[in-house]
Amino acid sequence: MREAVLHHLATYFEAFPYQVEFFDKKVIDHLTLNPGQFEVFKKGDMAEKWIVYRSIKYLV
């Protein structure tokens, strides 16, 4: 599950997985532990993905 989260975040940011893992550990851990929220991230458009990411990164 963690690898899938890492892959989707790296694709979203057009970054290498190691970069995402370094800067977004909190987001990766949260999405790994909350598969429902990860599904919303996976299926959302760019704006929805940003809302999910932002809510975890800056508000949780």
PDB file of N, CA and C in Angstrom:
ATOM      1  N   MET A   1       0.831  -1.193   0.000  1.00  0.00           N
ATOM      2  CA  MET A   1       0.000   0.000   0.000  1.00  0.00           C
ATOM      3  C   MET A   1       0.877   1.259   0.000  1.00  0.00           C
ATOM      4  N   ARG A   2       1.923   1.247   0.811  1.00  0.00           N
ATOM      5  CA  ARG A   2       2.809   2.413   0.897  1.00  0.00           C
ATOM      6  C   ARG A   2       3.436   2.733  -0.459  1.00  0.00           C
ATOM      7  N   GLU A   3       3.831   1.697  -1.190  1.00  0.00           N
ATOM      8  CA  GLU A   3       4.440   1.920  -2.507  1.00  0.00           C
ATOM      9  C   GLU A   3       3.441   2.539  -3.480  1.00  0.00           C
ATOM     10  N   ALA A   4       2.179   2.132  -3.392  1.00  0.00           N
ATOM     11  CA  ALA A   4       1.145   2.704  -4.259  1.00  0.00           C
ATOM     12  C   ALA A   4       0.933   4.179  -3.932  1.00  0.00           C
ATOM     13  N   VAL A   5       0.891   4.500  -2.651  1.00  0.00           N
ATOM     14  CA  VAL A   5       0.742   5.894  -2.227  1.00  0.00           C
ATOM     15  C   VAL A   5       1.922   6.711  -2.736  1.00  0.00           C
ATOM     16  N   LEU A   6       3.109   6.197  -2.540  1.00  0.00           N
ATOM     17  CA  LEU A   6       4.324   6.890  -2.986  1.00  0.00           C
ATOM     18  C   LEU A   6       4.297   7.117  -4.497  1.00  0.00           C
ATOM     19  N   HIS A   7       3.899   6.103  -5.239  1.00  0.00           N
ATOM     20  CA  HIS A   7       3.826   6.209  -6.700  1.00  0.00           C
ATOM     21  C   HIS A   7       2.832   7.292  -7.131  1.00  0.00           C
ATOM     22  N   HIS A   8       1.647   7.295  -6.535  1.00  0.00           N
ATOM     23  CA  HIS A   8       0.625   8.272  -6.927  1.00  0.00           C
ATOM     24  C   HIS A   8       1.040   9.697  -6.568  1.00  0.00           C
ATOM     25  N   LEU A   9       1.659   9.873  -5.415  1.00  0.00           N
ATOM     26  CA  LEU A   9       2.130  11.208  -5.041  1.00  0.00           C
ATOM     27  C   LEU A   9       3.252  11.677  -5.973  1.00  0.00           C
ATOM     28  N   ALA A  10       4.169  10.784  -6.292  1.00  0.00           N
ATOM     29  CA  ALA A  10       5.270  11.148  -7.191  1.00  0.00           C
ATOM     30  C   ALA A  10       4.740  11.514  -8.574  1.00  0.00           C
ATOM     31  N   THR A  11       3.754  10.778  -9.046  1.00  0.00           N
ATOM     32  CA  THR A  11       3.147  11.085 -10.338  1.00  0.00           C
ATOM     33  C   THR A  11       2.442  12.431 -10.288  1.00  0.00           C
ATOM     34  N   TYR A  12       1.705  12.677  -9.221  1.00  0.00           N
ATOM     35  CA  TYR A  12       0.978  13.938  -9.066  1.00  0.00           C
ATOM     36  C   TYR A  12       1.931  15.136  -9.099  1.00  0.00           C
ATOM     37  N   PHE A  13       3.049  15.023  -8.403  1.00  0.00           N
ATOM     38  CA  PHE A  13       4.002  16.132  -8.330  1.00  0.00           C
ATOM     39  C   PHE A  13       5.049  16.110  -9.443  1.00  0.00           C
ATOM     40  N   GLU A  14       4.982  15.105 -10.302  1.00  0.00           N
ATOM     41  CA  GLU A  14       5.985  14.935 -11.358  1.00  0.00           C
ATOM     42  C   GLU A  14       7.383  14.968 -10.749  1.00  0.00           C
ATOM     43  N   ALA A  15       7.558  14.151  -9.722  1.00  0.00           N
ATOM     44  CA  ALA A  15       8.818  14.101  -8.975  1.00  0.00           C
ATOM     45  C   ALA A  15       9.285  12.652  -8.872  1.00  0.00           C
ATOM     46  N   PHE A  16      10.506  12.494  -8.431  1.00  0.00           N
ATOM     47  CA  PHE A  16      11.028  11.162  -8.164  1.00  0.00           C
ATOM     48  C   PHE A  16      10.480  10.674  -6.832  1.00  0.00           C
ATOM     49  N   PRO A  17      10.233   9.371  -6.710  1.00  0.00           N
ATOM     50  CA  PRO A  17       9.694   8.849  -5.448  1.00  0.00           C
ATOM     51  C   PRO A  17      10.545   9.198  -4.226  1.00  0.00           C
ATOM     52  N   TYR A  18      11.874   9.197  -4.371  1.00  0.00           N
ATOM     53  CA  TYR A  18      12.707   9.510  -3.204  1.00  0.00           C
ATOM     54  C   TYR A  18      12.511  10.953  -2.752  1.00  0.00           C
ATOM     55  N   GLN A  19      12.217  11.853  -3.690  1.00  0.00           N
ATOM     56  CA  GLN A  19      11.953  13.243  -3.312  1.00  0.00           C
ATOM     57  C   GLN A  19      10.655  13.346  -2.513  1.00  0.00           C
ATOM     58  N   VAL A  20       9.633  12.670  -2.991  1.00  0.00           N
ATOM     59  CA  VAL A  20       8.338  12.683  -2.308  1.00  0.00           C
ATOM     60  C   VAL A  20       8.476  12.045  -0.932  1.00  0.00           C
ATOM     61  N   GLU A  21       9.201  10.940  -0.859  1.00  0.00           N
ATOM     62  CA  GLU A  21       9.377  10.257   0.424  1.00  0.00           C
ATOM     63  C   GLU A  21      10.101  11.152   1.427  1.00  0.00           C
ATOM     64  N   PHE A  22      11.029  11.954   0.955  1.00  0.00           N
ATOM     65  CA  PHE A  22      11.779  12.843   1.839  1.00  0.00           C
ATOM     66  C   PHE A  22      10.918  13.998   2.352  1.00  0.00           C
ATOM     67  N   PHE A  23      10.150  14.623   1.462  1.00  0.00           N
ATOM     68  CA  PHE A  23       9.399  15.825   1.827  1.00  0.00           C
ATOM     69  C   PHE A  23       7.995  15.558   2.361  1.00  0.00           C
ATOM     70  N   ASP A  24       7.411  14.405   2.032  1.00  0.00           N
ATOM     71  CA  ASP A  24       6.003  14.173   2.349  1.00  0.00           C
ATOM     72  C   ASP A  24       5.752  12.901   3.149  1.00  0.00           C
ATOM     73  N   LYS A  25       6.648  12.576   4.064  1.00  0.00           N
ATOM     74  CA  LYS A  25       6.482  11.376   4.886  1.00  0.00           C
ATOM     75  C   LYS A  25       5.156  11.393   5.633  1.00  0.00           C
ATOM     76  N   LYS A  26       4.784  12.537   6.165  1.00  0.00           N
ATOM     77  CA  LYS A  26       3.531  12.667   6.916  1.00  0.00           C
ATOM     78  C   LYS A  26       2.329  12.314   6.031  1.00  0.00           C
ATOM     79  N   VAL A  27       2.325  12.797   4.807  1.00  0.00           N
ATOM     80  CA  VAL A  27       1.218  12.538   3.885  1.00  0.00           C
ATOM     81  C   VAL A  27       1.200  11.066   3.486  1.00  0.00           C
ATOM     82  N   ILE A  28       2.358  10.501   3.206  1.00  0.00           N
ATOM     83  CA  ILE A  28       2.448   9.090   2.827  1.00  0.00           C
ATOM     84  C   ILE A  28       1.927   8.210   3.955  1.00  0.00           C
ATOM     85  N   ASP A  29       2.382   8.462   5.168  1.00  0.00           N
ATOM     86  CA  ASP A  29       1.933   7.666   6.313  1.00  0.00           C
ATOM     87  C   ASP A  29       0.426   7.786   6.514  1.00  0.00           C
ATOM     88  N   HIS A  30      -0.100   8.996   6.401  1.00  0.00           N
ATOM     89  CA  HIS A  30      -1.534   9.216   6.608  1.00  0.00           C
ATOM     90  C   HIS A  30      -2.363   8.490   5.551  1.00  0.00           C
ATOM     91  N   LEU A  31      -1.986   8.616   4.287  1.00  0.00           N
ATOM     92  CA  LEU A  31      -2.741   7.957   3.223  1.00  0.00           C
ATOM     93  C   LEU A  31      -2.609   6.438   3.297  1.00  0.00           C
ATOM     94  N   THR A  32      -1.477   5.944   3.762  1.00  0.00           N
ATOM     95  CA  THR A  32      -1.299   4.505   3.927  1.00  0.00           C
ATOM     96  C   THR A  32      -2.233   3.968   5.006  1.00  0.00           C
ATOM     97  N   LEU A  33      -2.406   4.722   6.069  1.00  0.00           N
ATOM     98  CA  LEU A  33      -3.268   4.291   7.180  1.00  0.00           C
ATOM     99  C   LEU A  33      -4.746   4.574   6.934  1.00  0.00           C
ATOM    100  N   ASN A  34      -5.073   5.373   5.926  1.00  0.00           N
ATOM    101  CA  ASN A  34      -6.458   5.750   5.629  1.00  0.00           C
ATOM    102  C   ASN A  34      -6.775   5.450   4.163  1.00  0.00           C
ATOM    103  N   PRO A  35      -7.057   4.174   3.854  1.00  0.00           N
ATOM    104  CA  PRO A  35      -7.275   3.793   2.456  1.00  0.00           C
ATOM    105  C   PRO A  35      -8.453   4.507   1.792  1.00  0.00           C
ATOM    106  N   GLY A  36      -9.466   4.877   2.567  1.00  0.00           N
ATOM    107  CA  GLY A  36     -10.594   5.602   1.993  1.00  0.00           C
ATOM    108  C   GLY A  36     -10.176   6.948   1.439  1.00  0.00           C
ATOM    109  N   GLN A  37      -9.348   7.638   2.187  1.00  0.00           N
ATOM    110  CA  GLN A  37      -8.860   8.944   1.738  1.00  0.00           C
ATOM    111  C   GLN A  37      -7.898   8.776   0.559  1.00  0.00           C
ATOM    112  N   PHE A  38      -7.142   7.686   0.559  1.00  0.00           N
ATOM    113  CA  PHE A  38      -6.255   7.417  -0.572  1.00  0.00           C
ATOM    114  C   PHE A  38      -7.061   7.175  -1.848  1.00  0.00           C
ATOM    115  N   GLU A  39      -8.191   6.482  -1.739  1.00  0.00           N
ATOM    116  CA  GLU A  39      -9.054   6.255  -2.900  1.00  0.00           C
ATOM    117  C   GLU A  39      -9.567   7.577  -3.464  1.00  0.00           C
ATOM    118  N   VAL A  40      -9.945   8.491  -2.576  1.00  0.00           N
ATOM    119  CA  VAL A  40     -10.392   9.817  -3.018  1.00  0.00           C
ATOM    120  C   VAL A  40      -9.257  10.512  -3.764  1.00  0.00           C
ATOM    121  N   PHE A  41      -8.038  10.416  -3.236  1.00  0.00           N
ATOM    122  CA  PHE A  41      -6.872  11.022  -3.886  1.00  0.00           C
ATOM    123  C   PHE A  41      -6.640  10.394  -5.260  1.00  0.00           C
ATOM    124  N   LYS A  42      -6.678   9.068  -5.333  1.00  0.00           N
ATOM    125  CA  LYS A  42      -6.412   8.373  -6.593  1.00  0.00           C
ATOM    126  C   LYS A  42      -7.415   8.743  -7.676  1.00  0.00           C
ATOM    127  N   LYS A  43      -8.682   8.833  -7.313  1.00  0.00           N
ATOM    128  CA  LYS A  43      -9.739   9.017  -8.307  1.00  0.00           C
ATOM    129  C   LYS A  43     -10.043  10.479  -8.610  1.00  0.00           C
ATOM    130  N   GLY A  44      -9.494  11.386  -7.825  1.00  0.00           N
ATOM    131  CA  GLY A  44      -9.815  12.798  -8.001  1.00  0.00           C
ATOM    132  C   GLY A  44      -9.061  13.448  -9.145  1.00  0.00           C
ATOM    133  N   ASP A  45      -9.574  14.601  -9.559  1.00  0.00           N
ATOM    134  CA  ASP A  45      -8.847  15.394 -10.543  1.00  0.00           C
ATOM    135  C   ASP A  45      -7.744  16.167  -9.813  1.00  0.00           C
ATOM    136  N   MET A  46      -7.025  16.998 -10.538  1.00  0.00           N
ATOM    137  CA  MET A  46      -5.884  17.696  -9.937  1.00  0.00           C
ATOM    138  C   MET A  46      -6.301  18.563  -8.749  1.00  0.00           C
ATOM    139  N   ALA A  47      -7.441  19.230  -8.849  1.00  0.00           N
ATOM    140  CA  ALA A  47      -7.904  20.092  -7.756  1.00  0.00           C
ATOM    141  C   ALA A  47      -8.269  19.272  -6.519  1.00  0.00           C
ATOM    142  N   GLU A  48      -8.948  18.155  -6.724  1.00  0.00           N
ATOM    143  CA  GLU A  48      -9.324  17.300  -5.595  1.00  0.00           C
ATOM    144  C   GLU A  48      -8.090  16.696  -4.931  1.00  0.00           C
ATOM    145  N   LYS A  49      -7.114  16.313  -5.740  1.00  0.00           N
ATOM    146  CA  LYS A  49      -5.878  15.763  -5.179  1.00  0.00           C
ATOM    147  C   LYS A  49      -5.171  16.818  -4.326  1.00  0.00           C
ATOM    148  N   TRP A  50      -5.158  18.061  -4.810  1.00  0.00           N
ATOM    149  CA  TRP A  50      -4.526  19.127  -4.043  1.00  0.00           C
ATOM    150  C   TRP A  50      -5.253  19.335  -2.722  1.00  0.00           C
ATOM    151  N   ILE A  51      -6.577  19.282  -2.716  1.00  0.00           N
ATOM    152  CA  ILE A  51      -7.357  19.465  -1.488  1.00  0.00           C
ATOM    153  C   ILE A  51      -7.022  18.374  -0.479  1.00  0.00           C
ATOM    154  N   VAL A  52      -6.958  17.124  -0.935  1.00  0.00           N
ATOM    155  CA  VAL A  52      -6.614  16.014  -0.036  1.00  0.00           C
ATOM    156  C   VAL A  52      -5.191  16.193   0.489  1.00  0.00           C
ATOM    157  N   TYR A  53      -4.253  16.461  -0.410  1.00  0.00           N
ATOM    158  CA  TYR A  53      -2.851  16.636  -0.015  1.00  0.00           C
ATOM    159  C   TYR A  53      -2.705  17.773   0.990  1.00  0.00           C
ATOM    160  N   ARG A  54      -3.286  18.921   0.659  1.00  0.00           N
ATOM    161  CA  ARG A  54      -3.178  20.107   1.515  1.00  0.00           C
ATOM    162  C   ARG A  54      -3.797  19.864   2.885  1.00  0.00           C
ATOM    163  N   SER A  55      -4.925  19.176   2.913  1.00  0.00           N
ATOM    164  CA  SER A  55      -5.593  18.942   4.196  1.00  0.00           C
ATOM    165  C   SER A  55      -4.745  18.069   5.115  1.00  0.00           C
ATOM    166  N   ILE A  56      -3.962  17.175   4.543  1.00  0.00           N
ATOM    167  CA  ILE A  56      -3.087  16.320   5.360  1.00  0.00           C
ATOM    168  C   ILE A  56      -1.798  17.067   5.712  1.00  0.00           C
ATOM    169  N   LYS A  57      -1.161  17.641   4.720  1.00  0.00           N
ATOM    170  CA  LYS A  57       0.149  18.276   4.903  1.00  0.00           C
ATOM    171  C   LYS A  57       0.096  19.455   5.871  1.00  0.00           C
ATOM    172  N   TYR A  58      -0.939  20.275   5.757  1.00  0.00           N
ATOM    173  CA  TYR A  58      -0.953  21.524   6.512  1.00  0.00           C
ATOM    174  C   TYR A  58      -1.978  21.584   7.636  1.00  0.00           C
ATOM    175  N   LEU A  59      -2.971  20.684   7.636  1.00  0.00           N
ATOM    176  CA  LEU A  59      -4.026  20.787   8.634  1.00  0.00           C
ATOM    177  C   LEU A  59      -4.065  19.635   9.629  1.00  0.00           C
ATOM    178  N   VAL A  60      -3.516  18.483   9.269  1.00  0.00           N
ATOM    179  CA  VAL A  60      -3.559  17.324  10.180  1.00  0.00           C
ATOM    180  C   VAL A  60      -2.371  17.372  11.108  1.00  0.00           C
TER     181      VAL A  60
END
